[in-house]
Amino acid sequence: MDFLFAADIRSYKDMRNQELRDAFVTQQLFVDGEVKLTYTDVDRGLVGGITPVETALELPTHKELAADYFCQRREAGVINIGGKGSIIADGVTYQMENKDSLYLAKETKSVQFKSEDANNPAKYYLVSYPAHRVTKTVHVPKAAANKIELGSPETSNERTIFQSIRPGIVDSCQLVMGITELKTGSVWNTKPPHTHFRRTEIYMYFDIPEDERVFHMMGEPAEVRSLSLPSGVAIASPSWSIHSGVGTTNYTFIWAMGGENQEFDDMDHLKVTDLK
């Protein structure tokens, strides 16, 4: 398991790009036949990429979690961004189509990940936060997610949001998670930008061609920094940071939040002219 030790609201202003990457950005999450986990001290979030090929992969624990098994004191959300597969959680099999979600409740002891076709493996993206109560594991097909249309072609931010792990669909402790798909010709993922000091957020960008990038923006509105990100990496966004980004083409990303509340619309909106 890798570790990210985040910079604070003061020190990030003097850091070079590589230093910011070392503090907030994961390595490539999706490697055939491997479980790639990264722990960030931003709200003790844990990010994973699990890519089973020929054989199933088990969700491991780690000595730094001080737990007998991964979900002993944690909840987790998983979204499949690859081919068809299945997840076996405590003996129950959940079929996972592309962009299906699975919420893993606290005290889920055994979790295995499988792919249906080794030539088109499933790619499971996982985000986990500490949990304070036992709830229920829930499978959410993409079609069952709460669908929201936002933005417009004129402002280059026309997008569809699929809220899959959220109140009313899943009874989670603090995790809220979903997918945003940008329409062709749109590149801004959160416009206007916003903050919410009550929650931290983790972004994972994908469906980006190899020769394209997303510029993720972070920091205070008056001290914005940007990092160029390829497909398949995640970035932790602390509570004091703006949430925004722009790509060189349209793309898809998964957002996950943990913190004081679970209200998706609880945002402190900014104007683009507020960014310096």
Protein backbone atom coordinates (compact mmCIF):
# COMPACT_ATOMS: atom_id res chain seq x y z
CA MET A 1 0.00 0.00 0.00
CA ASP A 2 1.25 3.46 -0.94
CA PHE A 3 0.85 6.50 1.29
CA LEU A 4 0.12 10.16 0.53
CA PHE A 5 0.99 12.71 3.20
CA ALA A 6 -0.92 15.83 2.21
CA ALA A 7 0.32 19.40 2.35
CA ASP A 8 -1.63 21.94 4.38
CA ILE A 9 -3.34 25.19 3.39
CA ARG A 10 -0.14 27.17 3.93
CA SER A 11 2.62 24.93 2.58
CA TYR A 12 1.02 24.00 -0.78
CA LYS A 13 1.57 27.57 -2.03
CA ASP A 14 5.36 27.12 -2.07
CA MET A 15 5.47 23.60 -3.48
CA ARG A 16 6.64 22.57 -6.94
CA ASN A 17 4.45 20.39 -9.15
CA GLN A 18 6.25 17.15 -8.25
CA GLU A 19 5.90 17.93 -4.56
CA LEU A 20 2.17 18.48 -5.03
CA ARG A 21 1.91 15.19 -6.91
CA ASP A 22 3.73 13.37 -4.11
CA ALA A 23 1.27 14.83 -1.60
CA PHE A 24 -2.04 14.37 -3.42
CA VAL A 25 -1.82 12.12 -6.54
CA THR A 26 -1.76 8.32 -6.67
CA GLN A 27 0.32 6.20 -8.99
CA GLN A 28 -1.42 4.38 -11.86
CA LEU A 29 -4.21 2.42 -10.18
CA PHE A 30 -5.00 -0.20 -12.81
CA VAL A 31 -2.35 -2.87 -13.38
CA ASP A 32 -3.36 -6.27 -14.73
CA GLY A 33 -3.48 -8.92 -12.02
CA GLU A 34 -2.80 -6.53 -9.15
CA VAL A 35 -4.48 -4.76 -6.25
CA LYS A 36 -3.12 -1.20 -5.97
CA LEU A 37 -4.02 0.62 -2.74
CA THR A 38 -3.14 4.15 -1.66
CA TYR A 39 -3.84 5.62 1.79
CA THR A 40 -4.15 9.40 2.09
CA ASP A 41 -4.21 11.28 5.37
CA VAL A 42 -6.91 13.53 3.87
CA ASP A 43 -9.75 12.28 6.12
CA ARG A 44 -8.03 8.85 6.16
CA GLY A 45 -9.41 8.07 2.72
CA LEU A 46 -8.17 4.94 0.97
CA VAL A 47 -8.15 4.55 -2.82
CA GLY A 48 -7.75 1.35 -4.77
CA GLY A 49 -7.55 -0.08 -8.25
CA ILE A 50 -8.22 -3.82 -8.60
CA THR A 51 -7.73 -5.52 -11.98
CA PRO A 52 -8.29 -9.29 -11.91
CA VAL A 53 -7.39 -11.13 -15.09
CA GLU A 54 -7.11 -14.93 -14.99
CA THR A 55 -7.74 -15.40 -11.27
CA ALA A 56 -9.77 -13.69 -8.57
CA LEU A 57 -8.15 -11.04 -6.38
CA GLU A 58 -8.82 -10.71 -2.66
CA LEU A 59 -9.21 -7.32 -0.96
CA PRO A 60 -6.33 -7.31 1.52
CA THR A 61 -5.89 -5.53 4.81
CA HIS A 62 -2.66 -3.82 5.88
CA LYS A 63 -0.84 -3.44 9.17
CA GLU A 64 -1.41 0.34 9.08
CA LEU A 65 -5.16 -0.28 9.22
CA ALA A 66 -4.69 -2.32 12.41
CA ALA A 67 -7.61 -4.50 11.32
CA ASP A 68 -8.21 -8.23 10.93
CA TYR A 69 -9.80 -7.54 7.52
CA PHE A 70 -10.18 -4.48 5.30
CA CYS A 71 -13.77 -3.50 6.16
CA GLN A 72 -13.57 -4.27 9.87
CA ARG A 73 -13.92 -0.56 10.65
CA ARG A 74 -14.37 0.82 7.14
CA GLU A 75 -17.00 1.20 4.44
CA ALA A 76 -16.08 1.14 0.75
CA GLY A 77 -17.58 2.02 -2.60
CA VAL A 78 -16.55 0.16 -5.76
CA ILE A 79 -17.28 1.13 -9.37
CA ASN A 80 -16.33 -1.06 -12.32
CA ILE A 81 -14.86 0.96 -15.21
CA GLY A 82 -13.79 -2.05 -17.29
CA GLY A 83 -15.30 -5.22 -18.73
CA LYS A 84 -17.88 -7.44 -17.08
CA GLY A 85 -17.02 -9.04 -13.79
CA SER A 86 -18.31 -10.01 -10.37
CA ILE A 87 -17.61 -9.26 -6.72
CA ILE A 88 -18.13 -11.91 -4.05
CA ALA A 89 -18.77 -10.27 -0.66
CA ASP A 90 -19.19 -12.65 2.29
CA GLY A 91 -20.34 -15.41 -0.06
CA VAL A 92 -22.85 -13.30 -2.04
CA THR A 93 -22.04 -12.75 -5.74
CA TYR A 94 -22.80 -9.38 -7.33
CA GLN A 95 -22.57 -9.14 -11.12
CA MET A 96 -20.74 -5.96 -12.12
CA GLU A 97 -21.36 -4.45 -15.53
CA ASN A 98 -19.43 -1.42 -16.75
CA LYS A 99 -20.11 1.56 -14.41
CA ASP A 100 -22.10 -0.49 -11.90
CA SER A 101 -21.46 0.34 -8.24
CA LEU A 102 -21.23 -1.79 -5.11
CA TYR A 103 -21.34 -0.40 -1.58
CA LEU A 104 -19.47 -2.59 0.91
CA ALA A 105 -20.76 -2.17 4.44
CA LYS A 106 -18.64 -2.10 7.58
CA GLU A 107 -17.79 -5.61 8.83
CA THR A 108 -17.86 -7.19 5.37
CA LYS A 109 -15.16 -9.79 6.00
CA SER A 110 -14.31 -11.38 2.65
CA VAL A 111 -14.26 -9.57 -0.70
CA GLN A 112 -13.11 -11.14 -3.97
CA PHE A 113 -12.97 -9.50 -7.39
CA LYS A 114 -13.30 -11.40 -10.67
CA SER A 115 -13.32 -10.68 -14.41
CA GLU A 116 -15.57 -12.49 -16.89
CA ASP A 117 -13.13 -12.16 -19.81
CA ALA A 118 -9.37 -12.02 -19.29
CA ASN A 119 -9.03 -10.22 -22.64
CA ASN A 120 -11.36 -7.46 -21.42
CA PRO A 121 -10.88 -7.48 -17.66
CA ALA A 122 -13.00 -5.65 -15.14
CA LYS A 123 -11.34 -2.65 -13.54
CA TYR A 124 -12.63 -1.96 -10.06
CA TYR A 125 -12.10 1.48 -8.57
CA LEU A 126 -12.47 1.57 -4.79
CA VAL A 127 -12.75 4.42 -2.28
CA SER A 128 -12.99 3.76 1.45
CA TYR A 129 -13.51 5.86 4.58
CA PRO A 130 -13.75 4.92 8.26
CA ALA A 131 -17.28 3.87 9.26
CA HIS A 132 -19.01 4.20 12.64
CA ARG A 133 -21.91 1.77 12.23
CA VAL A 134 -22.89 -1.39 10.40
CA THR A 135 -25.20 -0.85 7.42
CA LYS A 136 -25.97 -3.07 4.41
CA THR A 137 -24.02 -4.01 1.29
CA VAL A 138 -25.91 -2.74 -1.78
CA HIS A 139 -25.42 -3.30 -5.52
CA VAL A 140 -26.36 -0.28 -7.67
CA PRO A 141 -26.53 -0.83 -11.45
CA LYS A 142 -25.73 2.29 -13.46
CA ALA A 143 -29.38 2.49 -14.55
CA ALA A 144 -30.49 2.69 -10.89
CA ALA A 145 -28.30 5.68 -10.05
CA ASN A 146 -29.83 9.13 -9.65
CA LYS A 147 -29.25 10.84 -13.01
CA ILE A 148 -28.74 14.61 -13.29
CA GLU A 149 -28.07 16.67 -16.42
CA LEU A 150 -26.02 19.83 -15.88
CA GLY A 151 -24.18 22.48 -17.87
CA SER A 152 -24.45 23.50 -21.51
CA PRO A 153 -22.45 23.33 -24.75
CA GLU A 154 -22.10 27.14 -24.69
CA THR A 155 -20.08 26.99 -21.45
CA SER A 156 -18.24 23.75 -22.38
CA ASN A 157 -19.51 21.95 -19.28
CA GLU A 158 -22.43 19.82 -20.49
CA ARG A 159 -22.33 16.67 -18.39
CA THR A 160 -24.36 13.82 -16.92
CA ILE A 161 -23.98 12.93 -13.25
CA PHE A 162 -24.83 9.45 -11.95
CA GLN A 163 -25.19 9.48 -8.15
CA SER A 164 -24.98 5.82 -7.17
CA ILE A 165 -23.90 5.83 -3.51
CA ARG A 166 -25.99 8.53 -1.89
CA PRO A 167 -28.86 8.91 0.61
CA GLY A 168 -32.08 7.43 -0.76
CA ILE A 169 -30.18 4.73 -2.67
CA VAL A 170 -27.57 3.52 -0.19
CA ASP A 171 -27.50 3.93 3.58
CA SER A 172 -23.80 4.70 4.02
CA CYS A 173 -22.00 6.20 7.00
CA GLN A 174 -20.21 9.09 5.29
CA LEU A 175 -19.30 7.93 1.79
CA VAL A 176 -21.02 9.58 -1.19
CA MET A 177 -19.87 8.46 -4.63
CA GLY A 178 -20.77 8.63 -8.30
CA ILE A 179 -19.76 9.18 -11.91
CA THR A 180 -19.70 12.29 -14.11
CA GLU A 181 -19.58 11.89 -17.89
CA LEU A 182 -18.74 14.94 -20.01
CA LYS A 183 -20.47 15.27 -23.35
CA THR A 184 -18.48 15.59 -26.58
CA GLY A 185 -17.20 19.14 -26.90
CA SER A 186 -17.34 19.82 -23.14
CA VAL A 187 -14.21 19.89 -20.98
CA TRP A 188 -15.03 21.57 -17.63
CA ASN A 189 -15.95 19.10 -14.90
CA THR A 190 -17.09 21.54 -12.20
CA LYS A 191 -18.04 24.93 -13.55
CA PRO A 192 -18.58 27.15 -11.70
CA PRO A 193 -15.98 25.89 -9.19
CA HIS A 194 -16.93 25.39 -5.57
CA THR A 195 -15.67 24.57 -2.11
CA HIS A 196 -17.26 22.71 0.79
CA PHE A 197 -15.21 22.93 3.96
CA ARG A 198 -17.46 20.25 5.46
CA ARG A 199 -16.23 17.49 3.14
CA THR A 200 -13.12 16.26 1.41
CA GLU A 201 -13.26 14.77 -2.07
CA ILE A 202 -11.29 12.31 -4.18
CA TYR A 203 -11.35 12.47 -7.98
CA MET A 204 -10.33 9.71 -10.39
CA TYR A 205 -10.20 10.65 -14.08
CA PHE A 206 -10.51 8.04 -16.84
CA ASP A 207 -11.69 7.52 -20.42
CA ILE A 208 -8.90 9.91 -21.43
CA PRO A 209 -6.96 9.16 -24.63
CA GLU A 210 -3.28 8.49 -24.04
CA ASP A 211 -2.19 11.76 -25.65
CA GLU A 212 -4.74 13.92 -23.76
CA ARG A 213 -4.81 15.23 -20.17
CA VAL A 214 -7.05 16.71 -17.49
CA PHE A 215 -5.79 19.76 -15.61
CA HIS A 216 -7.04 19.37 -12.05
CA MET A 217 -7.22 22.65 -10.15
CA MET A 218 -6.62 22.84 -6.42
CA GLY A 219 -5.89 25.31 -3.65
CA GLU A 220 -7.59 28.41 -2.33
CA PRO A 221 -9.42 30.57 -4.89
CA ALA A 222 -6.75 33.28 -4.63
CA GLU A 223 -3.87 30.75 -4.92
CA VAL A 224 -4.85 28.19 -7.55
CA ARG A 225 -2.47 25.43 -8.65
CA SER A 226 -3.06 22.96 -11.49
CA LEU A 227 -1.74 19.45 -12.11
CA SER A 228 -1.81 17.63 -15.43
CA LEU A 229 -3.29 14.14 -14.92
CA PRO A 230 -3.52 11.09 -17.22
CA SER A 231 -6.24 8.45 -17.19
CA GLY A 232 -6.39 6.08 -14.22
CA VAL A 233 -4.93 8.11 -11.37
CA ALA A 234 -6.73 9.69 -8.43
CA ILE A 235 -6.17 12.97 -6.61
CA ALA A 236 -7.18 13.80 -3.04
CA SER A 237 -8.86 17.18 -2.64
CA PRO A 238 -8.78 18.53 0.94
CA SER A 239 -11.67 20.44 2.47
CA TRP A 240 -9.96 23.82 2.03
CA SER A 241 -9.39 23.34 -1.70
CA ILE A 242 -11.49 24.38 -4.66
CA HIS A 243 -13.03 21.61 -6.75
CA SER A 244 -12.62 22.13 -10.47
CA GLY A 245 -10.79 20.91 -13.54
CA VAL A 246 -10.59 21.15 -17.31
CA GLY A 247 -9.50 18.67 -19.96
CA THR A 248 -8.00 18.83 -23.40
CA THR A 249 -10.96 16.66 -24.51
CA ASN A 250 -14.10 15.28 -22.90
CA TYR A 251 -13.59 12.51 -20.31
CA THR A 252 -15.22 10.75 -17.37
CA PHE A 253 -14.43 10.90 -13.68
CA ILE A 254 -15.51 9.31 -10.43
CA TRP A 255 -15.97 11.54 -7.43
CA ALA A 256 -16.16 10.37 -3.84
CA MET A 257 -16.75 12.43 -0.72
CA GLY A 258 -16.45 11.92 3.02
CA GLY A 259 -17.03 14.33 5.86
CA GLU A 260 -19.62 16.17 7.91
CA ASN A 261 -22.67 15.59 5.70
CA GLN A 262 -23.89 13.76 2.62
CA GLU A 263 -25.76 16.56 0.85
CA PHE A 264 -24.50 16.65 -2.73
CA ASP A 265 -25.83 20.18 -3.33
CA ASP A 266 -24.19 21.63 -0.19
CA MET A 267 -21.55 23.70 -2.00
CA ASP A 268 -20.13 27.18 -1.62
CA HIS A 269 -20.15 28.32 -5.25
CA LEU A 270 -17.44 30.55 -6.66
CA LYS A 271 -17.25 32.65 -9.80
CA VAL A 272 -14.62 31.85 -12.40
CA THR A 273 -13.41 35.43 -11.88
CA ASP A 274 -12.69 34.56 -8.22
CA LEU A 275 -9.83 32.26 -9.31
CA LYS A 276 -6.36 33.78 -9.23
